[in-house]
C-alpha cells in the first residue's frame, strides 16, 4: 500500500494510542495464540477468561466481528482516536456514536454474517450500544489490570518517535517504525499481507498508533469516514510481559544498593513512578528519591509523556546489568 503525503498531510500527522483497539487486537491474539507467541504469558493467563466470556455469551457480537485469520476488520470497530491519549470511556462513546450508515456499509463491504451481526445491521444504534458493553466486559476481564504497563510502553514509544521526527524529519520517523514501512520522497509504502492500493491523504494527514497486540503485523485503516490510521508494534514490546520477573543481580546490588539495582532491573520497559511502585512493591516516594540519584549518575533518563514522566534505563545501565548478570 502506498500513501502519498503533501506538506499539509505531514503537518496534520499525529500520534495516539487506543485502549479500544488493544481490546480488539487482544481478542484477535487470544483467538489465534500460535501467531502471537510473543504474548504467551498474557495469552495463557487470559485464555480461561475468554472461554468464560464466550460461555456466558458476554462477547458474542465482538467475537463475530473479529475473525481469525484476520484479513480486514470493520473500520467502525475501533474509531480513530480523536486525542493522543484517550481513555476507554472516551472511545466507547465514539463507538456508540458511529453513523448507522457507516455501520451498514462496512458490514455489507465485508460480507460479515451471523445472527449478532445481522441484528447490528438491522439496528446499528442498539447494536453499537451492545458492542460497547461487550468491549467493556472484555476489558475488565483481560486488560484493565495490565493497562498501566501497556500504556507506559505505548507512551514511551510515542516520546521516542516524536524525538525522531524532531531530529531527522519524516525520513527518520517513518523508516524507523517497522521493517514493513518505508518512506521515500513523499510516499509511505507499507507491505501488507492482504491489501495493496494507493491513496492520497488529501490534507487529512495520518494517525500513527503504536499497538502492543498488532505485532508482528502492521494494520492500516482507510476510508472516507476516518483519517488514515497506521498501527505498528512499539519498541520494547518483546519485554512487556517479562518485566516483573527481572531480578537485580546480586553483584550490582552490592555496588548500587539493593533498591537502586532492583529499579534498574525493573526498567526493562519505560515506566512512571506509579508503575514502578506496582512492579516493585516500593512506595512512590521512595522510588522518586532513588530515581533522582540514578539520574544524577547517568543510569536513568526521564521523558515527559502527557501528564506522566516516564523513566528508562540508559545504555550505561544496561551495560552494567549485562556485566553483572550471572
Protein backbone atom coordinates (compact mmCIF):
# COMPACT_ATOMS: atom_id res chain seq x y z
CA UNK A 1 0.00 0.00 0.00
CA UNK A 2 1.30 3.46 -0.91
CA UNK A 3 0.22 6.60 0.95
CA UNK A 4 1.13 9.87 -0.75
CA UNK A 5 1.73 12.82 1.59
CA UNK A 6 1.57 16.52 0.86
CA UNK A 7 3.19 19.15 3.07
CA UNK A 8 -0.21 19.65 4.67
CA UNK A 9 -0.54 15.93 5.36
CA UNK A 10 2.77 15.91 7.20
CA UNK A 11 1.63 18.89 9.26
CA UNK A 12 -1.55 17.03 10.25
CA UNK A 13 0.08 13.69 11.03
CA UNK A 14 -0.10 12.86 14.71
CA UNK A 15 0.37 10.07 17.26
CA UNK A 16 -2.19 8.44 19.53
CA UNK A 17 -2.78 5.20 21.38
CA UNK A 18 -6.08 3.40 21.76
CA UNK A 19 -7.31 1.19 24.63
CA UNK A 20 -10.31 0.21 22.48
CA UNK A 21 -8.04 -1.01 19.69
CA UNK A 22 -5.97 -3.00 22.19
CA UNK A 23 -9.18 -4.82 23.17
CA UNK A 24 -9.91 -5.67 19.54
CA UNK A 25 -6.34 -6.73 18.78
CA UNK A 26 -6.03 -8.55 22.11
CA UNK A 27 -9.13 -10.62 21.34
CA UNK A 28 -7.66 -11.43 17.94
CA UNK A 29 -4.46 -12.63 19.62
CA UNK A 30 -6.38 -14.80 22.08
CA UNK A 31 -8.27 -16.41 19.19
CA UNK A 32 -5.02 -17.20 17.36
CA UNK A 33 -2.36 -17.79 20.04
CA UNK A 34 0.00 -19.68 17.73
CA UNK A 35 0.54 -16.47 15.74
CA UNK A 36 1.22 -14.36 18.84
CA UNK A 37 3.81 -16.30 20.83
CA UNK A 38 5.35 -13.02 21.98
CA UNK A 39 2.34 -12.63 24.30
CA UNK A 40 2.36 -16.21 25.57
CA UNK A 41 2.28 -15.27 29.25
CA UNK A 42 -0.67 -12.93 28.79
CA UNK A 43 -2.43 -15.41 26.48
CA UNK A 44 -2.04 -18.26 28.98
CA UNK A 45 -3.41 -16.16 31.82
CA UNK A 46 -6.41 -14.92 29.83
CA UNK A 47 -7.46 -17.95 27.78
CA UNK A 48 -9.74 -19.23 30.61
CA UNK A 49 -11.29 -15.76 30.90
CA UNK A 50 -12.05 -15.70 27.17
CA UNK A 51 -13.65 -19.13 27.46
CA UNK A 52 -15.80 -17.90 30.36
CA UNK A 53 -16.91 -14.81 28.43
CA UNK A 54 -17.90 -16.98 25.48
CA UNK A 55 -19.74 -19.47 27.69
CA UNK A 56 -21.72 -16.60 29.24
CA UNK A 57 -22.42 -15.14 25.75
CA UNK A 58 -20.86 -11.91 27.02
CA UNK A 59 -18.94 -11.00 23.87
CA UNK A 60 -20.94 -12.64 21.06
CA UNK A 61 -21.06 -9.62 18.74
CA UNK A 62 -17.45 -8.57 19.38
CA UNK A 63 -16.33 -12.16 18.78
CA UNK A 64 -18.22 -12.30 15.47
CA UNK A 65 -16.66 -9.05 14.23
CA UNK A 66 -13.07 -10.20 14.89
CA UNK A 67 -12.48 -13.21 12.62
CA UNK A 68 -9.33 -15.33 12.60
CA UNK A 69 -7.40 -15.30 10.36
CA UNK A 70 -7.93 -11.57 10.04
CA UNK A 71 -7.93 -10.19 6.50
CA UNK A 72 -9.76 -6.99 7.38
CA UNK A 73 -11.86 -5.57 10.21
CA UNK A 74 -14.85 -3.20 10.19
CA UNK A 75 -13.48 0.34 10.38
CA UNK A 76 -16.15 1.33 12.92
CA UNK A 77 -14.97 -1.35 15.36
CA UNK A 78 -12.14 0.89 16.58
CA UNK A 79 -12.78 4.57 15.72
CA UNK A 80 -9.58 6.54 15.12
CA UNK A 81 -8.58 8.19 18.44
CA UNK A 82 -9.62 11.84 18.50
CA UNK A 83 -6.99 12.74 21.11
CA UNK A 84 -3.44 11.47 21.72
CA UNK A 85 -4.26 9.67 24.97
CA UNK A 86 -7.96 8.74 25.19
CA UNK A 87 -9.34 6.59 27.96
CA UNK A 88 -11.66 3.69 27.25
CA UNK A 89 -14.80 5.67 28.18
CA UNK A 90 -13.98 8.30 25.54
CA UNK A 91 -13.52 5.66 22.87
CA UNK A 92 -16.65 3.71 23.78
CA UNK A 93 -18.62 6.95 23.47
CA UNK A 94 -17.16 7.42 19.98
CA UNK A 95 -18.05 3.82 19.13
CA UNK A 96 -21.67 4.28 20.20
CA UNK A 97 -21.85 7.47 18.07
CA UNK A 98 -20.72 5.92 14.76
CA UNK A 99 -23.06 6.81 11.87
CA UNK A 100 -25.52 3.93 11.29
CA UNK A 101 -24.97 4.26 7.53
CA UNK A 102 -21.24 3.62 8.07
CA UNK A 103 -22.02 0.52 10.12
CA UNK A 104 -24.28 -0.94 7.42
CA UNK A 105 -21.82 -0.07 4.64
CA UNK A 106 -18.94 -1.81 6.44
CA UNK A 107 -20.98 -4.93 7.17
CA UNK A 108 -22.01 -5.11 3.52
CA UNK A 109 -18.45 -4.50 2.31
CA UNK A 110 -17.03 -7.29 4.44
CA UNK A 111 -19.89 -9.71 3.97
CA UNK A 112 -19.96 -10.31 7.72
CA UNK A 113 -22.59 -12.83 8.77
CA UNK A 114 -24.20 -14.43 11.78
CA UNK A 115 -27.25 -13.59 13.93
CA UNK A 116 -25.43 -10.99 16.06
CA UNK A 117 -24.08 -9.17 13.00
CA UNK A 118 -27.48 -9.23 11.29
CA UNK A 119 -29.01 -7.69 14.42
CA UNK A 120 -26.33 -4.98 14.36
CA UNK A 121 -27.12 -4.17 10.73
CA UNK A 122 -30.83 -4.02 11.42
CA UNK A 123 -30.41 -1.77 14.47
CA UNK A 124 -26.99 -0.05 14.41
CA UNK A 125 -27.69 2.18 17.41
CA UNK A 126 -28.78 -0.68 19.63
CA UNK A 127 -26.06 -2.94 18.24
CA UNK A 128 -23.31 -0.39 18.90
CA UNK A 129 -24.50 0.00 22.49
CA UNK A 130 -24.30 -3.79 22.86
CA UNK A 131 -20.86 -3.83 21.24
CA UNK A 132 -19.58 -1.14 23.63
CA UNK A 133 -20.84 -3.17 26.61
CA UNK A 134 -19.06 -6.27 25.29
CA UNK A 135 -15.80 -4.37 24.83
CA UNK A 136 -16.09 -3.20 28.43
CA UNK A 137 -16.62 -6.79 29.59
CA UNK A 138 -13.52 -7.94 27.70
CA UNK A 139 -11.50 -5.02 29.07
CA UNK A 140 -12.47 -5.76 32.66
CA UNK A 141 -11.64 -9.46 32.27
CA UNK A 142 -8.42 -9.33 30.27
CA UNK A 143 -6.82 -5.88 30.04
CA UNK A 144 -7.75 -3.50 32.86
CA UNK A 145 -5.19 -4.88 35.31
CA UNK A 146 -2.42 -4.78 32.69
CA UNK A 147 -3.27 -1.39 31.20
CA UNK A 148 -0.79 0.73 33.26
CA UNK A 149 2.06 -1.45 31.99
CA UNK A 150 0.80 -1.41 28.39
CA UNK A 151 0.10 2.33 28.44
CA UNK A 152 3.60 3.11 29.75
CA UNK A 153 5.13 1.21 26.83
CA UNK A 154 2.92 2.98 24.28
CA UNK A 155 3.61 6.41 25.74
CA UNK A 156 7.34 5.77 25.79
CA UNK A 157 7.23 4.78 22.12
CA UNK A 158 5.39 7.98 21.19
CA UNK A 159 8.01 10.05 23.02
CA UNK A 160 10.76 8.24 21.10
CA UNK A 161 9.04 8.72 17.73
CA UNK A 162 8.41 12.40 18.39
CA UNK A 163 12.10 12.86 19.11
CA UNK A 164 12.97 11.02 15.87
CA UNK A 165 10.75 13.40 13.93
CA UNK A 166 12.44 16.37 15.59
CA UNK A 167 15.94 15.00 14.99
CA UNK A 168 15.62 13.64 11.47
CA UNK A 169 12.28 14.62 9.99
CA UNK A 170 9.88 12.22 8.22
CA UNK A 171 12.70 10.05 6.89
CA UNK A 172 13.98 9.10 10.35
CA UNK A 173 10.48 8.82 11.80
CA UNK A 174 8.79 6.64 9.20
CA UNK A 175 11.74 4.43 8.32
CA UNK A 176 12.13 3.51 11.98
CA UNK A 177 8.54 2.40 12.59
CA UNK A 178 8.64 -1.15 11.21
CA UNK A 179 10.56 -3.19 8.60
CA UNK A 180 7.35 -3.31 6.55
CA UNK A 181 7.17 0.50 6.37
CA UNK A 182 9.38 2.59 4.10
CA UNK A 183 9.43 6.32 3.33
CA UNK A 184 10.80 7.73 0.07
CA UNK A 185 10.21 11.22 -1.34
CA UNK A 186 6.59 11.91 -0.36
CA UNK A 187 5.31 8.32 -0.30
CA UNK A 188 4.90 5.95 2.62
CA UNK A 189 4.99 2.36 1.35
CA UNK A 190 3.55 -0.29 3.67
CA UNK A 191 3.86 -4.01 2.94
CA UNK A 192 0.57 -5.61 3.93
CA UNK A 193 -0.43 -9.26 3.82
CA UNK A 194 -3.86 -8.89 2.23
CA UNK A 195 -4.08 -5.41 0.69
CA UNK A 196 -2.35 -3.33 -1.99
CA UNK A 197 -3.59 0.07 -3.09
CA UNK A 198 -2.56 3.71 -3.49
CA UNK A 199 -4.08 6.61 -1.55
CA UNK A 200 -3.64 10.35 -1.44
CA UNK A 201 -4.29 11.69 2.03
CA UNK A 202 -5.93 14.88 0.73
CA UNK A 203 -4.69 17.09 3.54
CA UNK A 204 -6.09 15.00 6.40
CA UNK A 205 -2.72 13.56 7.37
CA UNK A 206 -2.37 10.22 9.13
CA UNK A 207 -2.68 8.94 12.69
CA UNK A 208 0.21 6.73 13.86
CA UNK A 209 -0.88 4.32 16.60
CA UNK A 210 1.59 2.07 18.45
CA UNK A 211 -0.16 -1.15 19.43
CA UNK A 212 1.07 -3.98 21.65
CA UNK A 213 -1.16 -6.66 20.14
CA UNK A 214 -0.71 -5.73 16.47
CA UNK A 215 2.68 -7.49 16.48
CA UNK A 216 4.02 -8.98 14.22
CA UNK A 217 1.93 -7.18 11.60
CA UNK A 218 1.10 -3.63 10.57
CA UNK A 219 -2.57 -2.67 10.23
CA UNK A 220 -3.81 0.25 8.12
CA UNK A 221 -7.31 1.71 8.24
CA UNK A 222 -8.53 3.78 5.29
CA UNK A 223 -11.89 5.15 4.22
CA UNK A 224 -13.80 8.37 3.73
CA UNK A 225 -15.18 8.44 7.28
CA UNK A 226 -11.80 8.22 9.07
CA UNK A 227 -8.28 9.62 8.77
CA UNK A 228 -5.82 7.01 7.53
CA UNK A 229 -4.58 5.15 10.60
CA UNK A 230 -1.34 3.15 10.72
CA UNK A 231 -0.97 0.72 13.62
CA UNK A 232 2.50 -0.67 14.35
CA UNK A 233 4.30 -2.51 17.18
CA UNK A 234 6.08 -0.26 19.73
CA UNK A 235 9.73 -0.53 20.71
CA UNK A 236 10.33 -2.91 23.62
CA UNK A 237 7.16 -4.93 23.14
CA UNK A 238 9.17 -8.15 23.40
CA UNK A 239 10.00 -7.35 27.04
CA UNK A 240 6.49 -6.31 28.05
CA UNK A 241 5.39 -9.44 29.89
CA UNK A 242 8.78 -10.36 31.34
CA UNK A 243 9.41 -7.10 33.20
CA UNK A 244 8.13 -8.23 36.59
CA UNK A 245 10.35 -11.31 36.61
CA UNK A 246 13.56 -9.35 36.17
CA UNK A 247 15.61 -9.61 39.32
CA UNK A 248 18.55 -7.47 40.29
CA UNK A 249 21.93 -9.21 40.01
CA UNK A 250 23.47 -9.58 43.44
CA UNK A 251 26.82 -8.17 42.32
CA UNK A 252 25.19 -4.95 41.11
CA UNK A 253 23.13 -4.66 44.30
CA UNK A 254 26.38 -4.82 46.26
CA UNK A 255 27.65 -1.73 44.43
CA UNK A 256 24.49 0.38 43.97
CA UNK A 257 22.36 -0.90 46.82
CA UNK A 258 19.50 -3.37 46.55
CA UNK A 259 16.76 -0.81 45.85
CA UNK A 260 18.57 1.03 43.06
CA UNK A 261 19.65 -2.21 41.43
CA UNK A 262 16.08 -3.51 41.60
CA UNK A 263 14.74 -0.35 39.95
CA UNK A 264 17.22 -0.65 37.10
CA UNK A 265 16.27 -4.28 36.61
CA UNK A 266 12.55 -3.48 36.55
CA UNK A 267 13.07 -0.70 33.99
CA UNK A 268 13.29 -3.21 31.15
CA UNK A 269 10.40 -1.15 29.75
CA UNK A 270 9.94 2.60 30.43
CA UNK A 271 7.71 3.30 33.42
CA UNK A 272 6.33 6.01 35.66
CA UNK A 273 6.88 6.06 39.42
CA UNK A 274 3.36 4.65 39.85
CA UNK A 275 4.12 1.76 37.51
CA UNK A 276 7.43 1.11 39.24
CA UNK A 277 5.62 1.03 42.58
CA UNK A 278 3.36 -1.72 41.18
CA UNK A 279 6.36 -3.62 39.81
CA UNK A 280 8.45 -3.44 42.96
CA UNK A 281 6.12 -3.00 45.93
CA UNK A 282 8.03 0.13 46.99
CA UNK A 283 6.35 3.43 47.77
CA UNK A 284 6.27 6.12 45.02
CA UNK A 285 8.13 8.49 47.36
CA UNK A 286 11.00 6.05 47.90
CA UNK A 287 11.16 5.32 44.18
CA UNK A 288 11.29 9.02 43.30
CA UNK A 289 14.17 9.56 45.69
CA UNK A 290 16.17 6.66 44.23
CA UNK A 291 15.43 7.69 40.64
CA UNK A 292 16.84 11.15 41.37
CA UNK A 293 20.13 9.55 42.39
CA UNK A 294 20.14 7.21 39.39
CA UNK A 295 19.50 10.12 37.01
CA UNK A 296 22.36 12.10 38.56
CA UNK A 297 24.64 9.10 37.93
CA UNK A 298 23.58 8.84 34.28
CA UNK A 299 21.89 5.47 34.75
CA UNK A 300 18.28 6.59 34.18
CA UNK A 301 16.71 9.07 31.76
CA UNK A 302 13.34 10.82 32.07
CA UNK A 303 10.89 11.99 29.42
CA UNK A 304 7.51 13.65 29.87
CA UNK A 305 4.59 11.86 28.17
CA UNK A 306 1.35 13.76 28.67
CA UNK A 307 0.71 14.04 32.39
CA UNK A 308 3.34 11.46 33.31
CA UNK A 309 7.13 11.30 33.44
CA UNK A 310 8.49 8.03 32.09
CA UNK A 311 11.85 6.70 33.29
CA UNK A 312 14.09 4.40 31.28
CA UNK A 313 17.46 2.74 31.67
CA UNK A 314 20.34 4.37 29.83
CA UNK A 315 22.82 2.39 27.72
CA UNK A 316 25.31 2.61 30.59
CA UNK A 317 22.81 1.00 32.98
CA UNK A 318 22.05 -1.80 30.52
CA UNK A 319 25.77 -2.50 30.18
CA UNK A 320 26.11 -2.71 33.97
CA UNK A 321 23.19 -5.12 34.24
CA UNK A 322 24.58 -7.32 31.47
CA UNK A 323 28.02 -7.38 33.06
CA UNK A 324 26.63 -8.27 36.50
CA UNK A 325 24.25 -10.96 35.27
CA UNK A 326 25.16 -14.50 36.40
